[in-house]
Amino acid sequence: MSTSSDIAELSTVRTQVEDLTERTLEVAQRYDDTSDSAVTTELFAAERALVSASRALDRALALLA
């Protein structure tokens, strides 16, 4: 596999992670003012993990570029 195809694939993954981050945050915010605070807590933790994954992908892409 070539570096350019790896960059393209990782860019696609990065876009998918961004989408998942936004979707997770939207659901978390819907539960933010409810009695289901445990749901909100877990979803915000998932959102932070996705942001971290996105940053790691950015670093990997920069190293490949």
C-alpha atoms as a PDB file:
ATOM      1  CA  MET A   1       0.000   0.000   0.000  1.00  0.00           C
ATOM      2  CA  SER A   2       1.238   3.479  -0.765  1.00  0.00           C
ATOM      3  CA  THR A   3       1.497   6.354   1.644  1.00  0.00           C
ATOM      4  CA  SER A   4      -0.996   8.400  -0.359  1.00  0.00           C
ATOM      5  CA  SER A   5      -3.655   5.688  -0.059  1.00  0.00           C
ATOM      6  CA  ASP A   6      -2.971   5.414   3.679  1.00  0.00           C
ATOM      7  CA  ILE A   7      -3.386   9.180   4.014  1.00  0.00           C
ATOM      8  CA  ALA A   8      -6.662   9.018   2.105  1.00  0.00           C
ATOM      9  CA  GLU A   9      -7.929   6.154   4.253  1.00  0.00           C
ATOM     10  CA  LEU A  10      -6.954   7.863   7.508  1.00  0.00           C
ATOM     11  CA  SER A  11      -8.548  11.098   6.320  1.00  0.00           C
ATOM     12  CA  THR A  12     -11.778   9.195   5.785  1.00  0.00           C
ATOM     13  CA  VAL A  13     -11.518   7.650   9.244  1.00  0.00           C
ATOM     14  CA  ARG A  14     -10.853  11.123  10.683  1.00  0.00           C
ATOM     15  CA  THR A  15     -14.042  12.424   9.049  1.00  0.00           C
ATOM     16  CA  GLN A  16     -16.026   9.504  10.448  1.00  0.00           C
ATOM     17  CA  VAL A  17     -14.636  10.116  13.942  1.00  0.00           C
ATOM     18  CA  GLU A  18     -15.644  13.788  13.678  1.00  0.00           C
ATOM     19  CA  ASP A  19     -19.168  12.724  12.707  1.00  0.00           C
ATOM     20  CA  LEU A  20     -19.357  10.267  15.611  1.00  0.00           C
ATOM     21  CA  THR A  21     -18.096  12.962  17.975  1.00  0.00           C
ATOM     22  CA  GLU A  22     -20.821  15.386  16.880  1.00  0.00           C
ATOM     23  CA  ARG A  23     -23.540  12.748  17.080  1.00  0.00           C
ATOM     24  CA  THR A  24     -22.429  11.592  20.537  1.00  0.00           C
ATOM     25  CA  LEU A  25     -22.332  15.168  21.798  1.00  0.00           C
ATOM     26  CA  GLU A  26     -25.839  15.838  20.461  1.00  0.00           C
ATOM     27  CA  VAL A  27     -27.242  12.847  22.341  1.00  0.00           C
ATOM     28  CA  ALA A  28     -25.328  13.778  25.513  1.00  0.00           C
ATOM     29  CA  GLN A  29     -26.751  17.287  25.416  1.00  0.00           C
ATOM     30  CA  ARG A  30     -30.295  15.924  25.139  1.00  0.00           C
ATOM     31  CA  TYR A  31     -29.782  14.127  28.461  1.00  0.00           C
ATOM     32  CA  ASP A  32     -27.870  16.977  30.120  1.00  0.00           C
ATOM     33  CA  ASP A  33     -30.878  18.462  31.932  1.00  0.00           C
ATOM     34  CA  THR A  34     -32.581  15.198  32.839  1.00  0.00           C
ATOM     35  CA  SER A  35     -32.428  12.817  35.752  1.00  0.00           C
ATOM     36  CA  ASP A  36     -30.252  10.505  33.635  1.00  0.00           C
ATOM     37  CA  SER A  37     -27.003  12.200  34.594  1.00  0.00           C
ATOM     38  CA  ALA A  38     -25.119   8.899  34.416  1.00  0.00           C
ATOM     39  CA  VAL A  39     -25.984   8.675  30.724  1.00  0.00           C
ATOM     40  CA  THR A  40     -24.715  12.209  30.176  1.00  0.00           C
ATOM     41  CA  THR A  41     -21.519  11.500  32.083  1.00  0.00           C
ATOM     42  CA  GLU A  42     -20.745   8.419  30.009  1.00  0.00           C
ATOM     43  CA  LEU A  43     -21.582  10.107  26.727  1.00  0.00           C
ATOM     44  CA  PHE A  44     -19.365  13.095  27.525  1.00  0.00           C
ATOM     45  CA  ALA A  45     -16.569  10.638  28.395  1.00  0.00           C
ATOM     46  CA  ALA A  46     -17.092   8.949  25.024  1.00  0.00           C
ATOM     47  CA  GLU A  47     -17.005  12.346  23.316  1.00  0.00           C
ATOM     48  CA  ARG A  48     -13.673  13.170  25.005  1.00  0.00           C
ATOM     49  CA  ALA A  49     -12.255   9.823  23.895  1.00  0.00           C
ATOM     50  CA  LEU A  50     -13.353  10.485  20.318  1.00  0.00           C
ATOM     51  CA  VAL A  51     -11.729  13.939  20.404  1.00  0.00           C
ATOM     52  CA  SER A  52      -8.541  12.281  21.643  1.00  0.00           C
ATOM     53  CA  ALA A  53      -8.724   9.734  18.828  1.00  0.00           C
ATOM     54  CA  SER A  54      -9.207  12.533  16.334  1.00  0.00           C
ATOM     55  CA  ARG A  55      -6.089  14.301  17.600  1.00  0.00           C
ATOM     56  CA  ALA A  56      -4.088  11.069  17.361  1.00  0.00           C
ATOM     57  CA  LEU A  57      -5.240  10.639  13.772  1.00  0.00           C
ATOM     58  CA  ASP A  58      -4.207  14.228  13.048  1.00  0.00           C
ATOM     59  CA  ARG A  59      -0.732  13.518  14.435  1.00  0.00           C
ATOM     60  CA  ALA A  60      -0.427  10.316  12.388  1.00  0.00           C
ATOM     61  CA  LEU A  61      -1.521  12.144   9.239  1.00  0.00           C
ATOM     62  CA  ALA A  62       1.023  14.885   9.874  1.00  0.00           C
ATOM     63  CA  LEU A  63       3.767  12.283  10.235  1.00  0.00           C
ATOM     64  CA  LEU A  64       2.757  10.650   6.941  1.00  0.00           C
ATOM     65  CA  ALA A  65       2.543  13.943   5.049  1.00  0.00           C
END
